[in-house]
Protein backbone atom coordinates (compact mmCIF):
# COMPACT_ATOMS: atom_id res chain seq x y z
CA UNK A 1 4.84 -0.24 -24.80
CA UNK A 2 8.30 -1.86 -25.24
CA UNK A 3 9.05 -5.47 -24.28
CA UNK A 4 10.69 -4.64 -20.94
CA UNK A 5 7.87 -2.33 -19.92
CA UNK A 6 5.41 -5.04 -20.88
CA UNK A 7 7.24 -7.60 -18.76
CA UNK A 8 7.23 -5.24 -15.77
CA UNK A 9 3.50 -4.61 -16.19
CA UNK A 10 2.88 -8.35 -16.40
CA UNK A 11 4.91 -9.00 -13.23
CA UNK A 12 2.94 -6.33 -11.39
CA UNK A 13 -0.29 -7.96 -12.55
CA UNK A 14 0.82 -11.43 -11.46
CA UNK A 15 1.99 -10.35 -8.00
CA UNK A 16 -0.21 -11.46 -5.11
CA UNK A 17 -2.47 -8.49 -4.46
CA UNK A 18 -2.74 -7.20 -0.92
CA UNK A 19 -6.21 -7.64 0.50
CA UNK A 20 -8.35 -4.52 0.26
CA UNK A 21 -9.79 -3.71 3.66
CA UNK A 22 -12.47 -1.22 4.60
CA UNK A 23 -13.01 0.79 7.76
CA UNK A 24 -16.03 3.02 8.37
CA UNK A 25 -16.22 5.65 11.04
CA UNK A 26 -16.49 9.28 12.08
CA UNK A 27 -13.65 11.70 11.54
CA UNK A 28 -13.11 13.16 15.02
CA UNK A 29 -9.83 14.99 14.42
CA UNK A 30 -7.63 16.27 11.62
CA UNK A 31 -3.90 16.34 12.31
CA UNK A 32 -2.73 17.97 9.08
CA UNK A 33 -3.47 18.07 5.37
CA UNK A 34 -3.13 14.32 4.87
CA UNK A 35 -3.73 12.74 8.28
CA UNK A 36 -6.89 12.29 10.32
CA UNK A 37 -8.29 10.30 13.26
CA UNK A 38 -11.24 7.99 12.71
CA UNK A 39 -13.57 6.52 15.38
CA UNK A 40 -15.57 3.42 14.50
CA UNK A 41 -18.91 2.31 15.97
CA UNK A 42 -17.09 0.54 18.80
CA UNK A 43 -15.29 3.76 19.76
CA UNK A 44 -11.96 2.39 18.56
CA UNK A 45 -9.63 5.03 17.15
CA UNK A 46 -7.62 4.73 13.94
CA UNK A 47 -5.02 7.05 12.48
CA UNK A 48 -5.44 7.39 8.72
CA UNK A 49 -2.81 8.66 6.28
CA UNK A 50 -4.23 9.62 2.88
CA UNK A 51 -2.51 7.50 0.22
CA UNK A 52 -0.81 8.82 -2.92
CA UNK A 53 -0.76 12.46 -1.83
CA UNK A 54 1.54 14.52 0.37
CA UNK A 55 0.26 17.77 1.86
CA UNK A 56 2.45 20.61 3.16
CA UNK A 57 3.54 20.16 6.76
CA UNK A 58 1.94 22.51 9.30
CA UNK A 59 5.16 24.52 9.48
CA UNK A 60 5.21 25.06 5.71
CA UNK A 61 3.32 27.61 3.62
CA UNK A 62 -0.21 26.33 2.98
CA UNK A 63 0.13 23.69 5.69
CA UNK A 64 -2.74 25.14 7.71
CA UNK A 65 -5.04 25.75 4.71
CA UNK A 66 -4.47 22.11 3.73
CA UNK A 67 -5.54 21.05 7.21
CA UNK A 68 -8.60 23.33 7.11
CA UNK A 69 -9.68 21.80 3.81
CA UNK A 70 -9.82 18.34 5.39
CA UNK A 71 -11.69 19.77 8.39
CA UNK A 72 -14.24 21.49 6.15
CA UNK A 73 -14.83 18.38 4.06
CA UNK A 74 -14.55 15.53 6.54
CA UNK A 75 -14.61 16.57 10.20
CA UNK A 76 -17.53 15.02 12.15
CA UNK A 77 -18.64 13.10 9.05
CA UNK A 78 -18.94 9.36 8.52
CA UNK A 79 -16.39 8.25 5.93
CA UNK A 80 -15.15 5.01 4.41
CA UNK A 81 -11.45 4.19 4.28
CA UNK A 82 -10.22 1.68 1.71
CA UNK A 83 -6.72 0.48 2.53
CA UNK A 84 -4.30 -2.35 1.84
CA UNK A 85 -1.40 -1.20 3.97
CA UNK A 86 -0.60 -0.26 7.58
CA UNK A 87 2.74 1.41 8.26
CA UNK A 88 5.10 1.13 11.25
CA UNK A 89 3.03 3.66 13.23
CA UNK A 90 -0.19 1.72 12.74
CA UNK A 91 -1.58 4.25 10.29
CA UNK A 92 -4.08 3.01 7.74
CA UNK A 93 -2.68 4.11 4.36
CA UNK A 94 -5.74 4.51 2.20
CA UNK A 95 -8.35 6.32 0.20
CA UNK A 96 -10.98 8.21 2.18
CA UNK A 97 -14.48 8.47 0.69
CA UNK A 98 -16.84 11.21 1.87
CA UNK A 99 -20.62 10.77 2.33
CA UNK A 100 -21.24 12.28 -1.13
CA UNK A 101 -18.94 9.70 -2.75
CA UNK A 102 -16.05 12.06 -3.41
CA UNK A 103 -12.54 10.94 -2.51
CA UNK A 104 -10.80 13.18 0.01
CA UNK A 105 -7.37 12.42 -1.44
CA UNK A 106 -8.43 13.75 -4.83
CA UNK A 107 -10.15 16.81 -3.37
CA UNK A 108 -6.87 17.90 -1.76
CA UNK A 109 -5.09 17.60 -5.10
CA UNK A 110 -7.87 19.47 -6.94
CA UNK A 111 -7.61 22.38 -4.50
CA UNK A 112 -3.86 22.63 -5.02
CA UNK A 113 -3.22 21.78 -1.37
CA UNK A 114 -1.23 18.59 -1.87
CA UNK A 115 1.30 17.02 -4.17
CA UNK A 116 0.81 13.71 -5.93
CA UNK A 117 3.05 11.44 -3.84
CA UNK A 118 4.64 9.31 -6.56
CA UNK A 119 5.62 6.28 -4.52
CA UNK A 120 3.33 3.68 -6.04
CA UNK A 121 4.69 1.61 -8.89
CA UNK A 122 3.37 2.42 -11.42
CA UNK A 123 2.10 5.78 -10.23
CA UNK A 124 -1.34 7.10 -11.14
CA UNK A 125 -1.49 9.10 -14.37
CA UNK A 126 -4.97 10.24 -13.28
CA UNK A 127 -3.62 11.85 -10.10
CA UNK A 128 -0.67 13.22 -12.06
CA UNK A 129 -3.06 15.02 -14.42
CA UNK A 130 -5.11 16.28 -11.47
CA UNK A 131 -2.00 17.81 -9.91
CA UNK A 132 -1.04 19.35 -13.24
CA UNK A 133 -4.45 21.02 -13.61
CA UNK A 134 -4.14 22.61 -10.16
CA UNK A 135 -0.62 23.82 -11.03
CA UNK A 136 -1.84 25.21 -14.36
CA UNK A 137 -4.56 27.22 -12.58
CA UNK A 138 -2.18 28.45 -9.84
CA UNK A 139 -4.42 27.00 -7.16
CA UNK A 140 -3.39 26.79 -3.52
CA UNK A 141 0.32 26.18 -2.97
CA UNK A 142 0.98 26.52 -6.70
CA UNK A 143 0.88 30.33 -6.43
CA UNK A 144 4.43 29.97 -5.06
CA UNK A 145 7.32 30.19 -7.49
CA UNK A 146 9.23 27.26 -6.02
CA UNK A 147 7.16 25.41 -3.41
CA UNK A 148 9.16 22.91 -1.36
CA UNK A 149 7.63 19.42 -1.41
CA UNK A 150 6.95 18.11 2.10
CA UNK A 151 9.17 15.06 1.57
CA UNK A 152 12.07 17.49 1.02
CA UNK A 153 11.00 19.61 4.00
CA UNK A 154 11.07 16.49 6.21
CA UNK A 155 14.39 15.24 4.87
CA UNK A 156 17.15 14.95 7.45
CA UNK A 157 20.90 14.98 6.87
CA UNK A 158 21.15 11.36 7.99
CA UNK A 159 19.49 8.91 5.60
CA UNK A 160 17.36 6.40 7.55
CA UNK A 161 18.00 2.67 7.30
CA UNK A 162 15.90 1.17 4.49
CA UNK A 163 13.01 -0.85 5.95
CA UNK A 164 12.88 -4.56 5.23
CA UNK A 165 9.10 -4.73 4.70
CA UNK A 166 5.91 -2.65 4.74
CA UNK A 167 5.28 -3.17 8.45
CA UNK A 168 8.58 -1.48 9.32
CA UNK A 169 8.14 1.40 6.87
CA UNK A 170 7.20 5.01 7.58
CA UNK A 171 4.97 5.99 4.65
CA UNK A 172 6.12 9.62 4.87
CA UNK A 173 9.76 8.62 4.37
CA UNK A 174 9.52 6.46 1.26
CA UNK A 175 11.36 8.98 -0.90
CA UNK A 176 13.80 9.70 1.92
CA UNK A 177 14.74 6.03 2.14
CA UNK A 178 15.84 6.36 -1.47
CA UNK A 179 15.33 2.71 -2.41
CA UNK A 180 15.35 2.64 -6.21
CA UNK A 181 15.49 -0.02 -8.90
CA UNK A 182 16.68 0.03 -12.49
CA UNK A 183 14.27 -1.94 -14.71
CA UNK A 184 16.88 -2.84 -17.34
CA UNK A 185 19.21 -4.61 -14.90
CA UNK A 186 16.68 -5.59 -12.18
CA UNK A 187 19.10 -4.18 -9.60
CA UNK A 188 17.97 -2.12 -6.61
CA UNK A 189 19.99 0.22 -4.41
CA UNK A 190 19.67 2.72 -1.57
CA UNK A 191 21.82 5.78 -0.72
CA UNK A 192 24.34 3.83 1.40
CA UNK A 193 25.28 1.66 -1.60
CA UNK A 194 28.67 2.47 -3.12
CA UNK A 195 27.30 2.62 -6.67
CA UNK A 196 24.19 4.70 -5.89
CA UNK A 197 23.56 6.92 -8.95
CA UNK A 198 23.94 10.69 -8.73
CA UNK A 199 21.04 11.10 -11.13
CA UNK A 200 18.43 8.37 -10.52
CA UNK A 201 16.49 9.20 -13.68
CA UNK A 202 14.64 6.21 -15.14
CA UNK A 203 14.83 4.39 -11.80
CA UNK A 204 11.64 3.44 -9.97
CA UNK A 205 11.12 3.95 -6.22
CA UNK A 206 10.40 1.21 -3.70
CA UNK A 207 9.01 1.66 -0.20
CA UNK A 208 10.95 -1.24 1.28
CA UNK A 209 13.40 -3.98 0.33
CA UNK A 210 10.77 -6.71 0.18
CA UNK A 211 8.78 -4.81 -2.45
CA UNK A 212 11.85 -4.72 -4.70
CA UNK A 213 12.68 -8.39 -4.19
CA UNK A 214 9.07 -9.45 -4.76
CA UNK A 215 9.28 -7.86 -8.20
CA UNK A 216 12.40 -9.85 -9.01
CA UNK A 217 15.02 -7.21 -8.23
CA UNK A 218 18.24 -8.05 -6.41
CA UNK A 219 20.48 -5.82 -4.32
CA UNK A 220 23.52 -4.28 -5.95
CA UNK A 221 26.90 -5.75 -5.05
CA UNK A 222 27.81 -2.28 -3.81
CA UNK A 223 25.26 -2.52 -1.00
CA UNK A 224 26.01 -3.82 2.49
CA UNK A 225 23.02 -6.04 3.21
CA UNK A 226 24.25 -7.20 6.64
């Protein structure tokens, strides 16, 4: 690990960690391959978005098989959701644990019915390897020559305004927001910035502006922050 990487890792370690919360309940509905509805023991409903994965949309190839996998594994079962984040739609962004202890997020990756959604900094090398194994075995969506990732399928011609914090962020649009930071300069940008790079290789993604600033990044002078 070089010095700059070590400093970044140290900063991540020293950041105030979001409180891990837990919600238990019955899965009463599955919306798609990464979203479900949970009902707790007080009959309160919660929408849950599986963290760190992105399943094909229903209108994409393998969208319905991805949904069926979640139904087969979790529907009408009592699960535990571990989460630290709630997005602008009130969705709990978390890890879903099945009665047998398996994690639903990982099961979708293992079956080749989801991508590893690389929006966490740093992203999980464990999930990365899990996705690679499914690709290597041509499982699920990986039988396609050039599968389109759902974040590209959802992408619109107009780039949305970058959210200021996690509460105003749509988890599905993190890569669409295009907020990226360059570790060497500690500068962050988004697509509306005049100096946004054509090839953002070696940049790291951020879900919102506050995340970047909390890590000590500052907005580029080419960005209109008003």
